Amino acid sequence: MTAARNGADDADLAAIVARLRAHYDEVVLPLWLTQGFNAALALPYESLASADGRPLPPQRYRTMACARQLFVFSVSDAPDSSAHAQRLFESLLRRFRHPAGGWVYSIGPDAALLETHHDLYTYAFVVFACAAYYRRSHDVRALQAMGDTAALIEARFGRGGGLYVAQLDDDGSTPRQGPLQNPIMHLTEAYLAARAASDAAWYEDALRRIADGMSLHFTDTATQCICELPTREPANRIEPGHQFEWYALVRGGLDVFQDTPLATSVVHAVDYAQRHGVAPGVEGVCASLDLQGAVLDATQRIWAQTEYARCLALRGDEASLRRLARQLGHFRDRFLHAGGWYECLDAQGQVARADMPSTTPYHLAACYAALPGGVVPGAMSGTEGTIARRGR
């Protein structure tokens, strides 16, 4: 009876995963190959209307958004994905270079430089995307851009002990924002991808320093959760989605992280986030908690749901997979629709944003690559090592 029940559970999970991947292949990716792509600038629009997929009037084009789309199409086997990844890579190199070296934050609708401060989150996604594109194309320019950007990160943003400032002024040396969790997390993701693409040993050393820095400066001793600000900062908060995301990153680099305190603390952080930050019934992940576990922001953002699903899939025990099947069912019914997705729901489950950002397919790709079933929309580094591209 148990074996039959488990077989039915497995079949239910496989069926919903197949439907999610079909939606991604047949609805999400085609949006960004067609109306989501500004052919005149060879850049993705920042956002589309959720109701009909029309491009929203652009106010800017961010380097990070281009890089995320470059990753998505570098790991996709959708029709024209290889050629589209090449278009995006060429645009990255042509449109977003900083006059002082490195990368600007954004350009305007006319393609003129707009925001020219240096942003660690942006630099990290350039490393991440170039690693993915190099593995797809073997274009040595991608490997060069990846390595040069990593060197600039260490020289400009690094403050020792695994800490990095989040932003620098246009001069590339004056801090405008101190260390923050989120950019450092995505730098971790980027360095895992770069390590897989280049086998450079120094990425491992940097990753271990980052792990130590996160444990020392960002991990709350009471909950073991990773805070958004250094723990000494007042009015701190915990984002449950980031606990799930850190778990996936640590699992993706266990050979690097297994002997670090971070490898132990992320397990406790996931349990805490699941207990306090996931709404029962709908399995919806809230935006943030205070340090006592009370909900600060009940908004449910699509990216946090995908990170929760990825975490449950990577945990892989029977209870997690049963919960994953329930969570994915709610995710499909609440966040996806025939023309795309809903970016945010409010505490009552009503749509809170009417747009579909170009950055969201990155989260869907990362999640769907980790789900059970073998056939995935693409390949990625930093989830569970490397998942090979379909048909390769």
Protein backbone atom coordinates (compact mmCIF):
# COMPACT_ATOMS: atom_id res chain seq x y z
CA MET A 1 0.00 0.00 0.00
CA THR A 2 2.80 2.39 0.91
CA ALA A 3 4.70 1.60 -2.28
CA ALA A 4 1.57 2.17 -4.35
CA ARG A 5 0.93 5.46 -2.55
CA ASN A 6 4.51 6.58 -3.12
CA GLY A 7 4.22 5.65 -6.78
CA ALA A 8 1.08 7.77 -7.10
CA ASP A 9 2.82 10.67 -5.32
CA ASP A 10 5.75 10.40 -7.71
CA ALA A 11 3.43 10.37 -10.71
CA ASP A 12 1.55 13.43 -9.43
CA LEU A 13 4.78 15.32 -8.90
CA ALA A 14 6.14 14.33 -12.31
CA ALA A 15 2.91 15.47 -13.98
CA ILE A 16 2.92 18.93 -12.42
CA VAL A 17 6.63 19.40 -13.10
CA ALA A 18 6.03 18.52 -16.75
CA ARG A 19 3.23 21.10 -16.95
CA LEU A 20 5.38 23.80 -15.38
CA ARG A 21 8.24 23.13 -17.79
CA ALA A 22 5.85 23.14 -20.75
CA HIS A 23 4.51 26.54 -19.65
CA TYR A 24 8.07 27.84 -19.42
CA ASP A 25 9.03 26.51 -22.87
CA GLU A 26 5.78 27.41 -24.64
CA VAL A 27 4.76 30.67 -22.94
CA VAL A 28 7.53 32.31 -20.91
CA LEU A 29 10.55 32.02 -23.21
CA PRO A 30 8.71 32.98 -26.42
CA LEU A 31 7.67 36.26 -24.79
CA TRP A 32 11.30 37.36 -24.63
CA LEU A 33 12.11 36.21 -28.13
CA THR A 34 9.25 38.27 -29.58
CA GLN A 35 7.47 41.25 -28.03
CA GLY A 36 9.79 41.31 -25.02
CA PHE A 37 12.82 42.07 -27.17
CA ASN A 38 13.62 45.55 -28.48
CA ALA A 39 15.17 44.63 -31.84
CA ALA A 40 16.32 48.20 -32.49
CA LEU A 41 18.57 48.17 -29.40
CA ALA A 42 18.99 44.39 -29.28
CA LEU A 43 17.95 44.42 -25.62
CA PRO A 44 15.12 42.89 -23.62
CA TYR A 45 12.52 45.34 -22.41
CA GLU A 46 12.61 45.73 -18.66
CA SER A 47 8.99 44.63 -18.21
CA LEU A 48 5.86 43.44 -20.00
CA ALA A 49 2.21 43.92 -19.06
CA SER A 50 0.96 40.76 -17.38
CA ALA A 51 -2.46 41.08 -19.01
CA ASP A 52 -1.37 40.98 -22.65
CA GLY A 53 2.43 40.79 -22.83
CA ARG A 54 2.87 44.28 -24.29
CA PRO A 55 6.17 46.04 -23.49
CA LEU A 56 5.76 48.71 -20.84
CA PRO A 57 7.29 52.09 -21.77
CA PRO A 58 10.98 51.75 -20.92
CA GLN A 59 12.54 54.16 -18.45
CA ARG A 60 15.94 52.46 -18.60
CA TYR A 61 17.71 49.23 -19.50
CA ARG A 62 19.78 47.66 -16.73
CA THR A 63 22.98 45.71 -17.21
CA MET A 64 21.75 43.16 -14.69
CA ALA A 65 18.53 42.56 -16.63
CA CYS A 66 20.46 41.95 -19.84
CA ALA A 67 22.79 39.58 -17.98
CA ARG A 68 19.92 37.57 -16.50
CA GLN A 69 18.35 37.14 -19.92
CA LEU A 70 21.75 36.13 -21.28
CA PHE A 71 21.89 33.39 -18.66
CA VAL A 72 18.34 32.23 -19.45
CA PHE A 73 19.01 31.80 -23.15
CA SER A 74 22.50 30.41 -22.62
CA VAL A 75 21.01 27.45 -20.73
CA SER A 76 17.87 27.04 -22.84
CA ASP A 77 17.18 24.74 -25.76
CA ALA A 78 14.22 26.77 -26.98
CA PRO A 79 14.23 27.52 -30.71
CA ASP A 80 16.69 30.32 -31.56
CA SER A 81 18.07 30.30 -28.00
CA SER A 82 21.69 29.99 -29.10
CA ALA A 83 21.43 32.85 -31.59
CA HIS A 84 19.51 34.94 -29.09
CA ALA A 85 22.12 34.35 -26.40
CA GLN A 86 24.74 35.60 -28.84
CA ARG A 87 22.68 38.74 -29.53
CA LEU A 88 22.39 39.42 -25.82
CA PHE A 89 26.09 38.86 -25.22
CA GLU A 90 27.03 41.28 -27.99
CA SER A 91 24.65 43.86 -26.51
CA LEU A 92 26.12 43.36 -23.05
CA LEU A 93 29.59 44.15 -24.37
CA ARG A 94 28.49 47.01 -26.60
CA ARG A 95 25.91 48.84 -24.48
CA PHE A 96 26.96 48.62 -20.84
CA ARG A 97 30.70 49.17 -20.59
CA HIS A 98 31.73 51.78 -18.03
CA PRO A 99 34.12 54.50 -19.27
CA ALA A 100 36.32 53.80 -16.23
CA GLY A 101 36.24 50.03 -16.79
CA GLY A 102 33.65 47.58 -15.59
CA TRP A 103 29.93 48.07 -16.01
CA VAL A 104 27.39 50.85 -15.67
CA TYR A 105 24.18 50.25 -13.77
CA SER A 106 21.87 51.28 -16.59
CA ILE A 107 21.40 53.08 -19.88
CA GLY A 108 18.45 55.23 -20.92
CA PRO A 109 15.75 54.48 -23.50
CA ASP A 110 17.98 56.22 -26.06
CA ALA A 111 20.88 53.90 -25.14
CA ALA A 112 22.90 56.77 -23.61
CA LEU A 113 24.61 56.06 -20.30
CA LEU A 114 22.19 56.76 -17.46
CA GLU A 115 23.22 55.45 -14.03
CA THR A 116 26.98 55.02 -13.90
CA HIS A 117 27.67 53.99 -10.32
CA HIS A 118 29.27 50.58 -9.77
CA ASP A 119 26.92 47.94 -8.36
CA LEU A 120 28.08 44.60 -6.95
CA TYR A 121 24.76 42.90 -7.73
CA THR A 122 25.19 43.94 -11.37
CA TYR A 123 28.83 42.84 -11.58
CA ALA A 124 27.93 39.48 -10.02
CA PHE A 125 25.31 38.80 -12.68
CA VAL A 126 27.76 39.68 -15.43
CA VAL A 127 30.13 37.02 -14.07
CA PHE A 128 27.27 34.54 -13.73
CA ALA A 129 25.90 35.14 -17.23
CA CYS A 130 29.29 35.12 -18.93
CA ALA A 131 30.08 31.78 -17.27
CA ALA A 132 26.86 30.30 -18.63
CA TYR A 133 27.39 31.79 -22.09
CA TYR A 134 30.98 30.57 -22.27
CA ARG A 135 29.88 27.03 -21.44
CA ARG A 136 27.30 27.26 -24.21
CA SER A 137 29.35 29.01 -26.90
CA HIS A 138 33.03 28.57 -25.96
CA ASP A 139 33.43 32.22 -26.95
CA VAL A 140 36.71 33.24 -25.32
CA ARG A 141 35.43 36.81 -24.96
CA ALA A 142 32.92 35.55 -22.41
CA LEU A 143 35.68 33.85 -20.42
CA GLN A 144 37.72 37.05 -20.58
CA ALA A 145 34.81 39.24 -19.47
CA MET A 146 34.05 36.82 -16.63
CA GLY A 147 37.61 36.85 -15.33
CA ASP A 148 38.12 40.60 -15.77
CA THR A 149 34.88 41.35 -13.93
CA ALA A 150 35.76 39.02 -11.06
CA ALA A 151 39.14 40.77 -10.75
CA LEU A 152 37.41 44.17 -10.62
CA ILE A 153 35.02 42.88 -7.95
CA GLU A 154 37.90 41.83 -5.75
CA ALA A 155 39.87 45.04 -6.34
CA ARG A 156 37.00 47.51 -6.05
CA PHE A 157 34.30 46.01 -3.85
CA GLY A 158 36.26 43.63 -1.61
CA ARG A 159 36.86 44.66 1.99
CA GLY A 160 38.51 41.49 3.29
CA GLY A 161 37.13 38.67 5.36
CA GLY A 162 34.54 37.77 2.73
CA LEU A 163 32.85 41.17 2.87
CA TYR A 164 32.08 43.37 -0.13
CA VAL A 165 30.46 46.78 -0.32
CA ALA A 166 27.24 46.85 -2.32
CA GLN A 167 27.82 50.00 -4.38
CA LEU A 168 30.53 52.47 -5.33
CA ASP A 169 30.31 55.93 -6.80
CA ASP A 170 31.15 56.58 -10.42
CA ASP A 171 34.84 56.86 -9.52
CA GLY A 172 34.90 53.16 -8.62
CA SER A 173 36.47 53.72 -5.22
CA THR A 174 34.10 55.73 -2.99
CA PRO A 175 31.51 53.52 -1.26
CA ARG A 176 27.90 54.64 -1.53
CA GLN A 177 26.43 51.57 0.19
CA GLY A 178 28.05 49.16 2.62
CA PRO A 179 27.86 45.34 2.68
CA LEU A 180 24.44 43.80 2.06
CA GLN A 181 23.42 40.16 2.04
CA ASN A 182 21.76 39.99 -1.37
CA PRO A 183 24.66 41.12 -3.59
CA ILE A 184 27.06 38.86 -1.71
CA MET A 185 24.69 35.92 -2.15
CA HIS A 186 24.58 36.48 -5.90
CA LEU A 187 28.35 36.88 -5.94
CA THR A 188 28.50 33.42 -4.36
CA GLU A 189 26.25 32.11 -7.12
CA ALA A 190 28.45 33.83 -9.72
CA TYR A 191 31.70 32.44 -8.35
CA LEU A 192 30.24 28.91 -8.27
CA ALA A 193 29.34 29.28 -11.94
CA ALA A 194 32.73 30.79 -12.79
CA ARG A 195 34.50 27.95 -11.00
CA ALA A 196 32.54 25.42 -13.08
CA ALA A 197 33.44 27.28 -16.27
CA SER A 198 37.13 27.88 -15.64
CA ASP A 199 38.34 25.59 -12.83
CA ALA A 200 40.31 28.52 -11.39
CA ALA A 201 41.29 27.53 -7.86
CA TRP A 202 41.07 31.05 -6.50
CA TYR A 203 37.27 31.01 -6.85
CA GLU A 204 37.21 28.26 -4.21
CA ASP A 205 39.28 30.39 -1.85
CA ALA A 206 36.98 33.37 -2.41
CA LEU A 207 33.90 31.22 -1.82
CA ARG A 208 35.25 29.96 1.49
CA ARG A 209 36.03 33.52 2.56
CA ILE A 210 32.49 34.54 1.66
CA ALA A 211 31.06 31.63 3.66
CA ASP A 212 33.09 32.66 6.70
CA GLY A 213 32.06 36.30 6.23
CA MET A 214 28.37 35.41 6.05
CA SER A 215 28.61 33.32 9.21
CA LEU A 216 30.49 35.99 11.11
CA HIS A 217 28.71 39.15 9.96
CA PHE A 218 25.24 38.21 8.69
CA THR A 219 24.05 35.09 10.55
CA ASP A 220 21.68 35.68 13.46
CA THR A 221 22.85 33.50 16.34
CA ALA A 222 19.34 32.92 17.71
CA THR A 223 17.69 31.73 14.50
CA GLN A 224 20.73 30.77 12.37
CA CYS A 225 19.09 32.74 9.55
CA ILE A 226 21.08 34.99 7.26
CA CYS A 227 19.95 38.59 7.75
CA GLU A 228 19.62 41.18 5.01
CA LEU A 229 21.93 43.60 6.84
CA PRO A 230 24.99 42.87 8.97
CA THR A 231 23.80 41.63 12.35
CA ARG A 232 25.09 44.74 14.13
CA GLU A 233 22.67 46.92 12.14
CA PRO A 234 19.35 47.96 13.75
CA ALA A 235 15.94 47.25 12.18
CA ASN A 236 17.23 44.13 10.51
CA ARG A 237 15.04 41.55 8.77
CA ILE A 238 15.03 37.99 7.48
CA GLU A 239 13.79 37.12 4.02
CA PRO A 240 12.63 33.48 3.94
CA GLY A 241 13.25 33.25 0.19
CA HIS A 242 16.91 34.00 0.73
CA GLN A 243 17.27 31.22 3.31
CA PHE A 244 15.99 28.78 0.67
CA GLU A 245 18.30 30.32 -1.95
CA TRP A 246 21.37 30.06 0.26
CA TYR A 247 20.55 26.41 0.93
CA ALA A 248 20.55 25.71 -2.82
CA LEU A 249 23.87 27.50 -3.30
CA VAL A 250 25.54 25.63 -0.46
CA ARG A 251 24.21 22.34 -1.83
CA GLY A 252 25.57 23.29 -5.24
CA GLY A 253 29.09 23.73 -3.84
CA LEU A 254 29.24 21.16 -1.05
CA ASP A 255 32.82 20.28 -1.86
CA VAL A 256 33.70 23.90 -1.08
CA PHE A 257 31.29 24.60 1.79
CA GLN A 258 30.90 21.27 3.59
CA ASP A 259 33.40 22.08 6.36
CA THR A 260 32.16 25.64 6.95
CA PRO A 261 29.71 26.77 9.65
CA LEU A 262 27.48 28.04 6.84
CA ALA A 263 26.79 24.48 5.67
CA THR A 264 25.26 23.69 9.07
CA SER A 265 23.47 26.97 9.68
CA VAL A 266 21.60 27.02 6.35
CA VAL A 267 19.78 23.80 7.32
CA HIS A 268 18.51 25.44 10.52
CA ALA A 269 17.69 28.62 8.60
CA VAL A 270 15.53 26.69 6.14
CA ASP A 271 13.61 25.03 8.97
CA TYR A 272 13.04 28.42 10.62
CA ALA A 273 11.95 30.07 7.36
CA GLN A 274 9.59 27.20 6.59
CA ARG A 275 8.05 27.37 10.06
CA HIS A 276 7.58 31.15 10.24
CA GLY A 277 7.62 32.40 6.65
CA VAL A 278 5.41 29.97 4.70
CA ALA A 279 1.64 30.44 4.86
CA PRO A 280 -0.12 27.16 5.60
CA GLY A 281 -2.74 26.01 3.15
CA VAL A 282 -1.35 27.81 0.11
CA GLU A 283 2.36 27.18 0.86
CA GLY A 284 3.03 30.85 0.05
CA VAL A 285 6.38 32.37 1.06
CA CYS A 286 6.16 35.85 2.59
CA ALA A 287 8.61 38.63 1.75
CA SER A 288 10.16 39.21 5.18
CA LEU A 289 10.18 38.46 8.90
CA ASP A 290 11.55 40.30 11.89
CA LEU A 291 14.19 38.64 14.04
CA GLN A 292 11.50 37.19 16.32
CA GLY A 293 9.77 35.42 13.43
CA ALA A 294 6.81 37.80 13.02
CA VAL A 295 5.79 38.68 9.47
CA LEU A 296 6.98 42.14 8.46
CA ASP A 297 5.86 42.01 4.84
CA ALA A 298 3.25 39.46 3.82
CA THR A 299 3.68 40.09 0.10
CA GLN A 300 4.34 36.84 -1.77
CA ARG A 301 6.81 37.36 -4.62
CA ILE A 302 7.19 34.81 -7.36
CA TRP A 303 10.95 34.48 -6.93
CA ALA A 304 10.59 33.43 -3.28
CA GLN A 305 8.13 30.70 -4.29
CA THR A 306 10.59 29.35 -6.85
CA GLU A 307 13.40 29.31 -4.29
CA TYR A 308 11.20 27.42 -1.85
CA ALA A 309 10.40 24.82 -4.50
CA ARG A 310 14.06 24.49 -5.42
CA CYS A 311 14.99 23.99 -1.77
CA LEU A 312 12.34 21.31 -1.24
CA ALA A 313 13.49 19.50 -4.37
CA LEU A 314 17.13 19.58 -3.30
CA ARG A 315 16.33 18.34 0.19
CA GLY A 316 14.73 15.38 -1.56
CA ASP A 317 13.42 13.42 1.43
CA GLU A 318 9.94 11.93 1.25
CA ALA A 319 8.28 14.63 3.36
CA SER A 320 9.90 17.43 1.35
CA LEU A 321 8.83 15.90 -1.96
CA ARG A 322 5.24 15.50 -0.75
CA ARG A 323 5.26 19.14 0.29
CA LEU A 324 6.86 20.08 -3.01
CA ALA A 325 3.98 18.54 -4.95
CA ARG A 326 1.47 20.57 -2.91
CA GLN A 327 3.54 23.73 -3.18
CA LEU A 328 3.94 23.46 -6.94
CA GLY A 329 0.20 22.93 -7.35
CA HIS A 330 -0.53 26.14 -5.47
CA PHE A 331 2.26 27.92 -7.33
CA ARG A 332 0.80 26.94 -10.70
CA ASP A 333 -2.74 27.95 -9.75
CA ARG A 334 -1.82 31.20 -8.02
CA PHE A 335 1.17 32.60 -9.93
CA LEU A 336 0.97 31.32 -13.51
CA HIS A 337 -1.57 32.10 -16.21
CA ALA A 338 -2.00 31.34 -19.89
CA GLY A 339 -0.10 34.45 -20.97
CA GLY A 340 2.72 34.41 -18.41
CA TRP A 341 2.81 34.98 -14.66
CA TYR A 342 1.88 37.23 -11.74
CA GLU A 343 4.92 38.81 -10.15
CA CYS A 344 3.50 39.47 -6.66
CA LEU A 345 0.43 38.59 -4.62
CA ASP A 346 -0.64 40.49 -1.53
CA ALA A 347 -1.49 38.99 1.85
CA GLN A 348 -5.01 38.18 0.62
CA GLY A 349 -3.73 36.45 -2.51
CA GLN A 350 -4.70 39.27 -4.86
CA VAL A 351 -2.40 40.37 -7.68
CA ALA A 352 -0.18 43.18 -6.37
CA ARG A 353 1.84 43.89 -9.53
CA ALA A 354 0.57 44.02 -13.08
CA ASP A 355 3.89 43.57 -14.85
CA MET A 356 6.24 40.73 -15.78
CA PRO A 357 9.89 41.79 -15.32
CA SER A 358 12.53 40.47 -17.70
CA THR A 359 14.53 39.31 -14.67
CA THR A 360 11.99 36.70 -13.48
CA PRO A 361 12.67 33.92 -16.05
CA TYR A 362 16.08 33.52 -14.39
CA HIS A 363 14.31 32.41 -11.19
CA LEU A 364 12.03 30.05 -13.10
CA ALA A 365 14.99 28.49 -14.92
CA ALA A 366 16.91 27.96 -11.67
CA CYS A 367 13.89 26.37 -10.01
CA TYR A 368 12.81 24.13 -12.87
CA ALA A 369 16.36 22.85 -13.38
CA ALA A 370 16.35 21.48 -9.83
CA LEU A 371 12.96 19.76 -9.94
CA PRO A 372 12.69 15.97 -10.27
CA GLY A 373 12.15 14.40 -13.64
CA GLY A 374 15.40 14.58 -15.58
CA VAL A 375 14.23 16.62 -18.58
CA VAL A 376 14.72 20.31 -17.84
CA PRO A 377 14.34 23.53 -19.81
CA GLY A 378 18.10 24.11 -19.70
CA ALA A 379 21.28 23.72 -17.71
CA MET A 380 22.82 25.71 -14.92
CA SER A 381 25.76 25.80 -12.55
CA GLY A 382 25.51 26.31 -8.83
CA THR A 383 22.35 24.26 -8.15
CA GLU A 384 23.45 20.67 -7.89
CA GLY A 385 26.76 20.96 -9.69
CA THR A 386 25.86 20.97 -13.36
CA ILE A 387 22.75 19.78 -15.17
CA ALA A 388 23.45 18.97 -18.80
CA ARG A 389 21.47 20.71 -21.52
CA ARG A 390 18.66 18.68 -22.99
CA GLY A 391 19.75 16.71 -26.00
CA ARG A 392 23.46 17.34 -25.41
